[in-house]
Amino acid sequence: MTAIPKPKSKSTAVAGPKLSETDFLEIGERIGESKEFNVEVDVTVYAQKRYEAVTGVVKEVDGQQGKLTMQVGYDNVKINMNNIVSVK
Protein backbone atom coordinates (compact mmCIF):
# COMPACT_ATOMS: atom_id res chain seq x y z
CA MET A 1 0.00 0.00 0.00
CA THR A 2 1.39 3.39 -0.98
CA ALA A 3 0.48 6.76 0.53
CA ILE A 4 -1.13 9.27 -1.76
CA PRO A 5 -0.21 12.88 -0.96
CA LYS A 6 -3.04 15.31 -0.38
CA PRO A 7 -3.41 18.10 -2.93
CA LYS A 8 -2.37 21.53 -1.73
CA SER A 9 -5.23 23.93 -1.26
CA LYS A 10 -5.05 27.04 -3.40
CA SER A 11 -7.28 29.21 -1.23
CA THR A 12 -5.93 32.61 -0.35
CA ALA A 13 -7.12 34.49 2.68
CA VAL A 14 -8.58 37.89 1.95
CA ALA A 15 -6.95 40.38 4.28
CA GLY A 16 -9.05 43.14 5.75
CA PRO A 17 -8.33 46.80 5.13
CA LYS A 18 -5.37 48.34 6.95
CA LEU A 19 -6.10 51.53 8.86
CA SER A 20 -3.55 54.09 10.01
CA GLU A 21 -3.58 55.97 13.30
CA THR A 22 -5.07 59.05 11.61
CA ASP A 23 -7.91 56.89 10.25
CA PHE A 24 -8.72 55.73 13.79
CA LEU A 25 -8.65 59.31 15.08
CA GLU A 26 -10.97 60.47 12.30
CA ILE A 27 -13.40 57.61 12.94
CA GLY A 28 -13.48 58.42 16.66
CA GLU A 29 -14.05 62.11 15.99
CA ARG A 30 -16.96 61.48 13.61
CA ILE A 31 -18.57 59.01 16.03
CA GLY A 32 -18.26 61.56 18.83
CA GLU A 33 -19.84 64.30 16.71
CA SER A 34 -22.72 62.04 15.75
CA LYS A 35 -23.42 61.14 19.36
CA GLU A 36 -23.12 64.69 20.70
CA PHE A 37 -25.05 66.55 17.99
CA ASN A 38 -27.38 63.74 16.76
CA VAL A 39 -25.88 63.91 13.27
CA GLU A 40 -26.55 61.04 10.85
CA VAL A 41 -23.40 59.24 9.67
CA ASP A 42 -22.55 56.49 7.17
CA VAL A 43 -20.55 53.69 8.82
CA THR A 44 -18.79 51.17 6.59
CA VAL A 45 -18.14 47.81 8.22
CA TYR A 46 -15.92 44.97 6.97
CA ALA A 47 -17.11 41.62 8.31
CA GLN A 48 -17.24 38.09 6.91
CA LYS A 49 -15.10 39.10 3.91
CA ARG A 50 -17.55 41.74 2.66
CA TYR A 51 -18.34 45.40 3.16
CA GLU A 52 -21.64 46.65 4.55
CA ALA A 53 -22.86 50.25 4.97
CA VAL A 54 -25.08 51.40 7.84
CA THR A 55 -26.58 54.90 7.98
CA GLY A 56 -27.92 56.25 11.24
CA VAL A 57 -27.30 58.26 14.40
CA VAL A 58 -24.90 57.03 17.10
CA LYS A 59 -26.79 56.53 20.37
CA GLU A 60 -24.29 54.69 22.59
CA VAL A 61 -20.62 53.77 22.59
CA ASP A 62 -19.65 50.85 24.86
CA GLY A 63 -15.87 50.68 25.09
CA GLN A 64 -15.93 47.73 27.50
CA GLN A 65 -17.71 45.44 25.04
CA GLY A 66 -16.46 47.21 21.90
CA LYS A 67 -20.00 47.82 20.63
CA LEU A 68 -21.47 50.87 18.91
CA THR A 69 -25.27 51.29 19.05
CA MET A 70 -26.86 53.21 16.18
CA GLN A 71 -30.45 54.19 15.59
CA VAL A 72 -31.40 53.29 12.03
CA GLY A 73 -34.97 54.39 11.44
CA TYR A 74 -36.88 52.97 14.41
CA ASP A 75 -34.42 50.13 15.00
CA ASN A 76 -31.28 50.01 17.14
CA VAL A 77 -28.33 48.29 15.46
CA LYS A 78 -25.23 47.14 17.37
CA ILE A 79 -21.92 47.19 15.50
CA ASN A 80 -18.60 45.68 16.55
CA MET A 81 -16.19 48.64 16.64
CA ASN A 82 -13.26 46.43 15.53
CA ASN A 83 -15.00 45.95 12.16
CA ILE A 84 -15.50 49.65 11.36
CA VAL A 85 -13.55 50.75 8.28
CA SER A 86 -14.79 54.32 7.77
CA VAL A 87 -17.31 56.86 9.03
CA LYS A 88 -18.61 59.66 6.81
PDB file of N, CA and C in Angstrom:
ATOM      1  N   MET A   1       0.839  -1.163   0.000  1.00  0.00           N
ATOM      2  CA  MET A   1       0.000   0.000   0.000  1.00  0.00           C
ATOM      3  C   MET A   1       0.892   1.236   0.000  1.00  0.00           C
ATOM      4  N   THR A   2       0.606   2.162  -0.909  1.00  0.00           N
ATOM      5  CA  THR A   2       1.390   3.392  -0.981  1.00  0.00           C
ATOM      6  C   THR A   2       0.541   4.576  -0.533  1.00  0.00           C
ATOM      7  N   ALA A   3       1.180   5.553   0.058  1.00  0.00           N
ATOM      8  CA  ALA A   3       0.479   6.756   0.527  1.00  0.00           C
ATOM      9  C   ALA A   3       0.318   7.729  -0.621  1.00  0.00           C
ATOM     10  N   ILE A   4      -0.842   8.270  -0.726  1.00  0.00           N
ATOM     11  CA  ILE A   4      -1.128   9.268  -1.763  1.00  0.00           C
ATOM     12  C   ILE A   4      -1.116  10.646  -1.096  1.00  0.00           C
ATOM     13  N   PRO A   5      -0.266  11.553  -1.592  1.00  0.00           N
ATOM     14  CA  PRO A   5      -0.206  12.878  -0.958  1.00  0.00           C
ATOM     15  C   PRO A   5      -1.490  13.675  -1.216  1.00  0.00           C
ATOM     16  N   LYS A   6      -1.850  14.472  -0.244  1.00  0.00           N
ATOM     17  CA  LYS A   6      -3.039  15.313  -0.377  1.00  0.00           C
ATOM     18  C   LYS A   6      -2.719  16.508  -1.266  1.00  0.00           C
ATOM     19  N   PRO A   7      -3.669  16.921  -2.090  1.00  0.00           N
ATOM     20  CA  PRO A   7      -3.413  18.098  -2.926  1.00  0.00           C
ATOM     21  C   PRO A   7      -3.366  19.362  -2.066  1.00  0.00           C
ATOM     22  N   LYS A   8      -2.497  20.275  -2.472  1.00  0.00           N
ATOM     23  CA  LYS A   8      -2.366  21.529  -1.730  1.00  0.00           C
ATOM     24  C   LYS A   8      -3.559  22.423  -2.063  1.00  0.00           C
ATOM     25  N   SER A   9      -4.095  23.028  -1.024  1.00  0.00           N
ATOM     26  CA  SER A   9      -5.229  23.934  -1.260  1.00  0.00           C
ATOM     27  C   SER A   9      -4.705  25.240  -1.827  1.00  0.00           C
ATOM     28  N   LYS A  10      -5.451  25.808  -2.734  1.00  0.00           N
ATOM     29  CA  LYS A  10      -5.048  27.044  -3.395  1.00  0.00           C
ATOM     30  C   LYS A  10      -5.890  28.228  -2.920  1.00  0.00           C
ATOM     31  N   SER A  11      -6.478  28.103  -1.743  1.00  0.00           N
ATOM     32  CA  SER A  11      -7.281  29.212  -1.231  1.00  0.00           C
ATOM     33  C   SER A  11      -6.355  30.273  -0.648  1.00  0.00           C
ATOM     34  N   THR A  12      -6.692  31.499  -0.899  1.00  0.00           N
ATOM     35  CA  THR A  12      -5.929  32.605  -0.350  1.00  0.00           C
ATOM     36  C   THR A  12      -6.835  33.389   0.575  1.00  0.00           C
ATOM     37  N   ALA A  13      -6.331  33.735   1.709  1.00  0.00           N
ATOM     38  CA  ALA A  13      -7.118  34.493   2.683  1.00  0.00           C
ATOM     39  C   ALA A  13      -7.196  35.939   2.234  1.00  0.00           C
ATOM     40  N   VAL A  14      -8.387  36.494   2.305  1.00  0.00           N
ATOM     41  CA  VAL A  14      -8.585  37.893   1.951  1.00  0.00           C
ATOM     42  C   VAL A  14      -8.320  38.722   3.197  1.00  0.00           C
ATOM     43  N   ALA A  15      -7.313  39.558   3.118  1.00  0.00           N
ATOM     44  CA  ALA A  15      -6.951  40.377   4.276  1.00  0.00           C
ATOM     45  C   ALA A  15      -7.876  41.582   4.353  1.00  0.00           C
ATOM     46  N   GLY A  16      -8.210  41.967   5.544  1.00  0.00           N
ATOM     47  CA  GLY A  16      -9.053  43.139   5.751  1.00  0.00           C
ATOM     48  C   GLY A  16      -8.291  44.423   5.468  1.00  0.00           C
ATOM     49  N   PRO A  17      -8.985  45.522   5.412  1.00  0.00           N
ATOM     50  CA  PRO A  17      -8.333  46.800   5.126  1.00  0.00           C
ATOM     51  C   PRO A  17      -7.413  47.215   6.276  1.00  0.00           C
ATOM     52  N   LYS A  18      -6.325  47.860   5.954  1.00  0.00           N
ATOM     53  CA  LYS A  18      -5.373  48.343   6.947  1.00  0.00           C
ATOM     54  C   LYS A  18      -5.662  49.814   7.214  1.00  0.00           C
ATOM     55  N   LEU A  19      -5.811  50.159   8.483  1.00  0.00           N
ATOM     56  CA  LEU A  19      -6.097  51.531   8.862  1.00  0.00           C
ATOM     57  C   LEU A  19      -4.895  52.121   9.585  1.00  0.00           C
ATOM     58  N   SER A  20      -4.641  53.408   9.323  1.00  0.00           N
ATOM     59  CA  SER A  20      -3.552  54.093  10.006  1.00  0.00           C
ATOM     60  C   SER A  20      -4.083  54.755  11.274  1.00  0.00           C
ATOM     61  N   GLU A  21      -3.183  55.325  12.050  1.00  0.00           N
ATOM     62  CA  GLU A  21      -3.584  55.975  13.298  1.00  0.00           C
ATOM     63  C   GLU A  21      -4.486  57.174  13.022  1.00  0.00           C
ATOM     64  N   THR A  22      -4.215  57.899  11.938  1.00  0.00           N
ATOM     65  CA  THR A  22      -5.071  59.049  11.607  1.00  0.00           C
ATOM     66  C   THR A  22      -6.477  58.600  11.218  1.00  0.00           C
ATOM     67  N   ASP A  23      -6.586  57.429  10.576  1.00  0.00           N
ATOM     68  CA  ASP A  23      -7.908  56.892  10.246  1.00  0.00           C
ATOM     69  C   ASP A  23      -8.697  56.608  11.518  1.00  0.00           C
ATOM     70  N   PHE A  24      -8.047  56.016  12.522  1.00  0.00           N
ATOM     71  CA  PHE A  24      -8.718  55.726  13.791  1.00  0.00           C
ATOM     72  C   PHE A  24      -9.156  57.006  14.493  1.00  0.00           C
ATOM     73  N   LEU A  25      -8.303  58.032  14.460  1.00  0.00           N
ATOM     74  CA  LEU A  25      -8.654  59.305  15.084  1.00  0.00           C
ATOM     75  C   LEU A  25      -9.848  59.952  14.391  1.00  0.00           C
ATOM     76  N   GLU A  26      -9.863  59.900  13.058  1.00  0.00           N
ATOM     77  CA  GLU A  26     -10.966  60.472  12.298  1.00  0.00           C
ATOM     78  C   GLU A  26     -12.275  59.728  12.575  1.00  0.00           C
ATOM     79  N   ILE A  27     -12.214  58.412  12.647  1.00  0.00           N
ATOM     80  CA  ILE A  27     -13.401  57.605  12.939  1.00  0.00           C
ATOM     81  C   ILE A  27     -13.941  57.966  14.325  1.00  0.00           C
ATOM     82  N   GLY A  28     -13.060  58.068  15.310  1.00  0.00           N
ATOM     83  CA  GLY A  28     -13.479  58.422  16.662  1.00  0.00           C
ATOM     84  C   GLY A  28     -14.102  59.799  16.738  1.00  0.00           C
ATOM     85  N   GLU A  29     -13.524  60.742  15.999  1.00  0.00           N
ATOM     86  CA  GLU A  29     -14.046  62.105  15.992  1.00  0.00           C
ATOM     87  C   GLU A  29     -15.444  62.169  15.380  1.00  0.00           C
ATOM     88  N   ARG A  30     -15.636  61.478  14.277  1.00  0.00           N
ATOM     89  CA  ARG A  30     -16.956  61.484  13.613  1.00  0.00           C
ATOM     90  C   ARG A  30     -18.016  60.793  14.465  1.00  0.00           C
ATOM     91  N   ILE A  31     -17.633  59.714  15.143  1.00  0.00           N
ATOM     92  CA  ILE A  31     -18.572  59.014  16.027  1.00  0.00           C
ATOM     93  C   ILE A  31     -18.963  59.930  17.186  1.00  0.00           C
ATOM     94  N   GLY A  32     -17.986  60.640  17.748  1.00  0.00           N
ATOM     95  CA  GLY A  32     -18.263  61.565  18.835  1.00  0.00           C
ATOM     96  C   GLY A  32     -19.190  62.695  18.420  1.00  0.00           C
ATOM     97  N   GLU A  33     -18.974  63.239  17.221  1.00  0.00           N
ATOM     98  CA  GLU A  33     -19.841  64.303  16.705  1.00  0.00           C
ATOM     99  C   GLU A  33     -21.263  63.798  16.503  1.00  0.00           C
ATOM    100  N   SER A  34     -21.392  62.598  15.990  1.00  0.00           N
ATOM    101  CA  SER A  34     -22.716  62.037  15.748  1.00  0.00           C
ATOM    102  C   SER A  34     -23.469  61.850  17.054  1.00  0.00           C
ATOM    103  N   LYS A  35     -22.772  61.373  18.061  1.00  0.00           N
ATOM    104  CA  LYS A  35     -23.423  61.143  19.358  1.00  0.00           C
ATOM    105  C   LYS A  35     -23.793  62.458  20.030  1.00  0.00           C
ATOM    106  N   GLU A  36     -22.893  63.426  19.994  1.00  0.00           N
ATOM    107  CA  GLU A  36     -23.119  64.688  20.697  1.00  0.00           C
ATOM    108  C   GLU A  36     -24.184  65.555  20.033  1.00  0.00           C
ATOM    109  N   PHE A  37     -24.159  65.641  18.697  1.00  0.00           N
ATOM    110  CA  PHE A  37     -25.046  66.553  17.988  1.00  0.00           C
ATOM    111  C   PHE A  37     -26.190  65.853  17.254  1.00  0.00           C
ATOM    112  N   ASN A  38     -26.348  64.537  17.443  1.00  0.00           N
ATOM    113  CA  ASN A  38     -27.382  63.742  16.755  1.00  0.00           C
ATOM    114  C   ASN A  38     -27.315  63.907  15.236  1.00  0.00           C
ATOM    115  N   VAL A  39     -26.108  63.795  14.704  1.00  0.00           N
ATOM    116  CA  VAL A  39     -25.879  63.908  13.273  1.00  0.00           C
ATOM    117  C   VAL A  39     -25.861  62.504  12.669  1.00  0.00           C
ATOM    118  N   GLU A  40     -26.522  62.334  11.531  1.00  0.00           N
ATOM    119  CA  GLU A  40     -26.545  61.039  10.850  1.00  0.00           C
ATOM    120  C   GLU A  40     -25.213  60.800  10.150  1.00  0.00           C
ATOM    121  N   VAL A  41     -24.673  59.600  10.299  1.00  0.00           N
ATOM    122  CA  VAL A  41     -23.401  59.239   9.674  1.00  0.00           C
ATOM    123  C   VAL A  41     -23.544  57.930   8.903  1.00  0.00           C
ATOM    124  N   ASP A  42     -22.644  57.738   7.933  1.00  0.00           N
ATOM    125  CA  ASP A  42     -22.552  56.489   7.172  1.00  0.00           C
ATOM    126  C   ASP A  42     -21.353  55.712   7.708  1.00  0.00           C
ATOM    127  N   VAL A  43     -21.612  54.540   8.263  1.00  0.00           N
ATOM    128  CA  VAL A  43     -20.553  53.692   8.818  1.00  0.00           C
ATOM    129  C   VAL A  43     -20.359  52.512   7.877  1.00  0.00           C
ATOM    130  N   THR A  44     -19.120  52.314   7.429  1.00  0.00           N
ATOM    131  CA  THR A  44     -18.788  51.174   6.587  1.00  0.00           C
ATOM    132  C   THR A  44     -18.100  50.127   7.457  1.00  0.00           C
ATOM    133  N   VAL A  45     -18.629  48.904   7.398  1.00  0.00           N
ATOM    134  CA  VAL A  45     -18.145  47.805   8.225  1.00  0.00           C
ATOM    135  C   VAL A  45     -17.615  46.704   7.315  1.00  0.00           C
ATOM    136  N   TYR A  46     -16.471  46.113   7.706  1.00  0.00           N
ATOM    137  CA  TYR A  46     -15.923  44.973   6.974  1.00  0.00           C
ATOM    138  C   TYR A  46     -16.027  43.747   7.858  1.00  0.00           C
ATOM    139  N   ALA A  47     -16.927  42.839   7.523  1.00  0.00           N
ATOM    140  CA  ALA A  47     -17.112  41.617   8.306  1.00  0.00           C
ATOM    141  C   ALA A  47     -17.463  40.471   7.366  1.00  0.00           C
ATOM    142  N   GLN A  48     -16.986  39.304   7.678  1.00  0.00           N
ATOM    143  CA  GLN A  48     -17.240  38.088   6.909  1.00  0.00           C
ATOM    144  C   GLN A  48     -16.854  38.256   5.433  1.00  0.00           C
ATOM    145  N   LYS A  49     -15.702  38.898   5.231  1.00  0.00           N
ATOM    146  CA  LYS A  49     -15.101  39.104   3.910  1.00  0.00           C
ATOM    147  C   LYS A  49     -15.963  39.924   2.959  1.00  0.00           C
ATOM    148  N   ARG A  50     -16.773  40.845   3.516  1.00  0.00           N
ATOM    149  CA  ARG A  50     -17.554  41.743   2.665  1.00  0.00           C
ATOM    150  C   ARG A  50     -17.793  43.051   3.403  1.00  0.00           C
ATOM    151  N   TYR A  51     -18.083  44.079   2.623  1.00  0.00           N
ATOM    152  CA  TYR A  51     -18.344  45.403   3.164  1.00  0.00           C
ATOM    153  C   TYR A  51     -19.847  45.612   3.293  1.00  0.00           C
ATOM    154  N   GLU A  52     -20.235  46.338   4.334  1.00  0.00           N
ATOM    155  CA  GLU A  52     -21.636  46.651   4.550  1.00  0.00           C
ATOM    156  C   GLU A  52     -21.722  48.084   5.061  1.00  0.00           C
ATOM    157  N   ALA A  53     -22.683  48.853   4.561  1.00  0.00           N
ATOM    158  CA  ALA A  53     -22.856  50.247   4.975  1.00  0.00           C
ATOM    159  C   ALA A  53     -24.103  50.377   5.845  1.00  0.00           C
ATOM    160  N   VAL A  54     -23.967  51.138   6.931  1.00  0.00           N
ATOM    161  CA  VAL A  54     -25.076  51.402   7.842  1.00  0.00           C
ATOM    162  C   VAL A  54     -25.169  52.908   8.008  1.00  0.00           C
ATOM    163  N   THR A  55     -26.371  53.464   7.828  1.00  0.00           N
ATOM    164  CA  THR A  55     -26.582  54.896   7.976  1.00  0.00           C
ATOM    165  C   THR A  55     -27.527  55.140   9.135  1.00  0.00           C
ATOM    166  N   GLY A  56     -27.084  55.961  10.087  1.00  0.00           N
ATOM    167  CA  GLY A  56     -27.924  56.251  11.237  1.00  0.00           C
ATOM    168  C   GLY A  56     -27.235  57.215  12.188  1.00  0.00           C
ATOM    169  N   VAL A  57     -27.819  57.372  13.375  1.00  0.00           N
ATOM    170  CA  VAL A  57     -27.302  58.264  14.402  1.00  0.00           C
ATOM    171  C   VAL A  57     -26.731  57.414  15.540  1.00  0.00           C
ATOM    172  N   VAL A  58     -25.538  57.761  15.999  1.00  0.00           N
ATOM    173  CA  VAL A  58     -24.905  57.028  17.095  1.00  0.00           C
ATOM    174  C   VAL A  58     -25.632  57.370  18.395  1.00  0.00           C
ATOM    175  N   LYS A  59     -26.081  56.340  19.110  1.00  0.00           N
ATOM    176  CA  LYS A  59     -26.792  56.531  20.369  1.00  0.00           C
ATOM    177  C   LYS A  59     -25.934  56.169  21.568  1.00  0.00           C
ATOM    178  N   GLU A  60     -25.083  55.146  21.437  1.00  0.00           N
ATOM    179  CA  GLU A  60     -24.289  54.695  22.586  1.00  0.00           C
ATOM    180  C   GLU A  60     -22.975  54.090  22.107  1.00  0.00           C
ATOM    181  N   VAL A  61     -21.923  54.358  22.852  1.00  0.00           N
ATOM    182  CA  VAL A  61     -20.617  53.767  22.586  1.00  0.00           C
ATOM    183  C   VAL A  61     -20.205  53.005  23.842  1.00  0.00           C
ATOM    184  N   ASP A  62     -20.038  51.693  23.725  1.00  0.00           N
ATOM    185  CA  ASP A  62     -19.654  50.855  24.859  1.00  0.00           C
ATOM    186  C   ASP A  62     -18.233  50.359  24.631  1.00  0.00           C
ATOM    187  N   GLY A  63     -17.277  51.040  25.258  1.00  0.00           N
ATOM    188  CA  GLY A  63     -15.874  50.684  25.087  1.00  0.00           C
ATOM    189  C   GLY A  63     -15.513  49.366  25.734  1.00  0.00           C
ATOM    190  N   GLN A  64     -16.216  48.992  26.808  1.00  0.00           N
ATOM    191  CA  GLN A  64     -15.934  47.729  27.497  1.00  0.00           C
ATOM    192  C   GLN A  64     -16.194  46.531  26.588  1.00  0.00           C
ATOM    193  N   GLN A  65     -17.339  46.547  25.917  1.00  0.00           N
ATOM    194  CA  GLN A  65     -17.711  45.436  25.037  1.00  0.00           C
ATOM    195  C   GLN A  65     -17.275  45.669  23.602  1.00  0.00           C
ATOM    196  N   GLY A  66     -16.859  46.895  23.266  1.00  0.00           N
ATOM    197  CA  GLY A  66     -16.456  47.207  21.903  1.00  0.00           C
ATOM    198  C   GLY A  66     -17.631  47.272  20.951  1.00  0.00           C
ATOM    199  N   LYS A  67     -18.783  47.748  21.440  1.00  0.00           N
ATOM    200  CA  LYS A  67     -20.000  47.818  20.628  1.00  0.00           C
ATOM    201  C   LYS A  67     -20.418  49.268  20.433  1.00  0.00           C
ATOM    202  N   LEU A  68     -20.936  49.557  19.272  1.00  0.00           N
ATOM    203  CA  LEU A  68     -21.470  50.867  18.915  1.00  0.00           C
ATOM    204  C   LEU A  68     -22.945  50.666  18.608  1.00  0.00           C
ATOM    205  N   THR A  69     -23.833  51.411  19.287  1.00  0.00           N
ATOM    206  CA  THR A  69     -25.266  51.287  19.051  1.00  0.00           C
ATOM    207  C   THR A  69     -25.718  52.473  18.212  1.00  0.00           C
ATOM    208  N   MET A  70     -26.358  52.179  17.079  1.00  0.00           N
ATOM    209  CA  MET A  70     -26.860  53.215  16.176  1.00  0.00           C
ATOM    210  C   MET A  70     -28.361  53.072  16.021  1.00  0.00           C
ATOM    211  N   GLN A  71     -29.016  54.211  15.885  1.00  0.00           N
ATOM    212  CA  GLN A  71     -30.445  54.194  15.595  1.00  0.00           C
ATOM    213  C   GLN A  71     -30.612  54.352  14.093  1.00  0.00           C
ATOM    214  N   VAL A  72     -31.158  53.316  13.472  1.00  0.00           N
ATOM    215  CA  VAL A  72     -31.403  53.290  12.029  1.00  0.00           C
ATOM    216  C   VAL A  72     -32.913  53.215  11.852  1.00  0.00           C
ATOM    217  N   GLY A  73     -33.514  54.346  11.499  1.00  0.00           N
ATOM    218  CA  GLY A  73     -34.969  54.394  11.442  1.00  0.00           C
ATOM    219  C   GLY A  73     -35.513  54.246  12.843  1.00  0.00           C
ATOM    220  N   TYR A  74     -36.349  53.238  13.075  1.00  0.00           N
ATOM    221  CA  TYR A  74     -36.881  52.974  14.409  1.00  0.00           C
ATOM    222  C   TYR A  74     -36.157  51.828  15.104  1.00  0.00           C
ATOM    223  N   ASP A  75     -35.147  51.270  14.455  1.00  0.00           N
ATOM    224  CA  ASP A  75     -34.416  50.128  15.002  1.00  0.00           C
ATOM    225  C   ASP A  75     -33.079  50.559  15.587  1.00  0.00           C
ATOM    226  N   ASN A  76     -32.618  49.825  16.597  1.00  0.00           N
ATOM    227  CA  ASN A  76     -31.283  50.007  17.142  1.00  0.00           C
ATOM    228  C   ASN A  76     -30.403  48.884  16.610  1.00  0.00           C
ATOM    229  N   VAL A  77     -29.260  49.257  16.052  1.00  0.00           N
ATOM    230  CA  VAL A  77     -28.329  48.295  15.465  1.00  0.00           C
ATOM    231  C   VAL A  77     -27.026  48.359  16.249  1.00  0.00           C
ATOM    232  N   LYS A  78     -26.508  47.197  16.658  1.00  0.00           N
ATOM    233  CA  LYS A  78     -25.228  47.141  17.365  1.00  0.00           C
ATOM    234  C   LYS A  78     -24.146  46.709  16.385  1.00  0.00           C
ATOM    235  N   ILE A  79     -23.030  47.429  16.418  1.00  0.00           N
ATOM    236  CA  ILE A  79     -21.924  47.187  15.503  1.00  0.00           C
ATOM    237  C   ILE A  79     -20.664  46.937  16.325  1.00  0.00           C
ATOM    238  N   ASN A  80     -19.888  45.935  15.928  1.00  0.00           N
ATOM    239  CA  ASN A  80     -18.597  45.683  16.553  1.00  0.00           C
ATOM    240  C   ASN A  80     -17.633  46.763  16.074  1.00  0.00           C
ATOM    241  N   MET A  81     -17.058  47.509  17.020  1.00  0.00           N
ATOM    242  CA  MET A  81     -16.185  48.638  16.645  1.00  0.00           C
ATOM    243  C   MET A  81     -14.895  48.176  15.974  1.00  0.00           C
ATOM    244  N   ASN A  82     -14.482  46.936  16.176  1.00  0.00           N
ATOM    245  CA  ASN A  82     -13.263  46.433  15.525  1.00  0.00           C
ATOM    246  C   ASN A  82     -13.468  46.249  14.025  1.00  0.00           C
ATOM    247  N   ASN A  83     -14.723  46.173  13.579  1.00  0.00           N
ATOM    248  CA  ASN A  83     -15.004  45.945  12.159  1.00  0.00           C
ATOM    249  C   ASN A  83     -15.244  47.230  11.377  1.00  0.00           C
ATOM    250  N   ILE A  84     -15.226  48.383  12.041  1.00  0.00           N
ATOM    251  CA  ILE A  84     -15.501  49.649  11.362  1.00  0.00           C
ATOM    252  C   ILE A  84     -14.302  50.035  10.507  1.00  0.00           C
ATOM    253  N   VAL A  85     -14.596  50.366   9.235  1.00  0.00           N
ATOM    254  CA  VAL A  85     -13.551  50.750   8.282  1.00  0.00           C
ATOM    255  C   VAL A  85     -13.535  52.257   8.082  1.00  0.00           C
ATOM    256  N   SER A  86     -14.726  52.869   7.948  1.00  0.00           N
ATOM    257  CA  SER A  86     -14.786  54.315   7.766  1.00  0.00           C
ATOM    258  C   SER A  86     -16.123  54.854   8.275  1.00  0.00           C
ATOM    259  N   VAL A  87     -16.099  56.158   8.604  1.00  0.00           N
ATOM    260  CA  VAL A  87     -17.310  56.862   9.033  1.00  0.00           C
ATOM    261  C   VAL A  87     -17.337  58.174   8.268  1.00  0.00           C
ATOM    262  N   LYS A  88     -18.459  58.425   7.592  1.00  0.00           N
ATOM    263  CA  LYS A  88     -18.612  59.663   6.811  1.00  0.00           C
ATOM    264  C   LYS A  88     -19.882  60.362   7.198  1.00  0.00           C
TER     265      LYS A  88
END
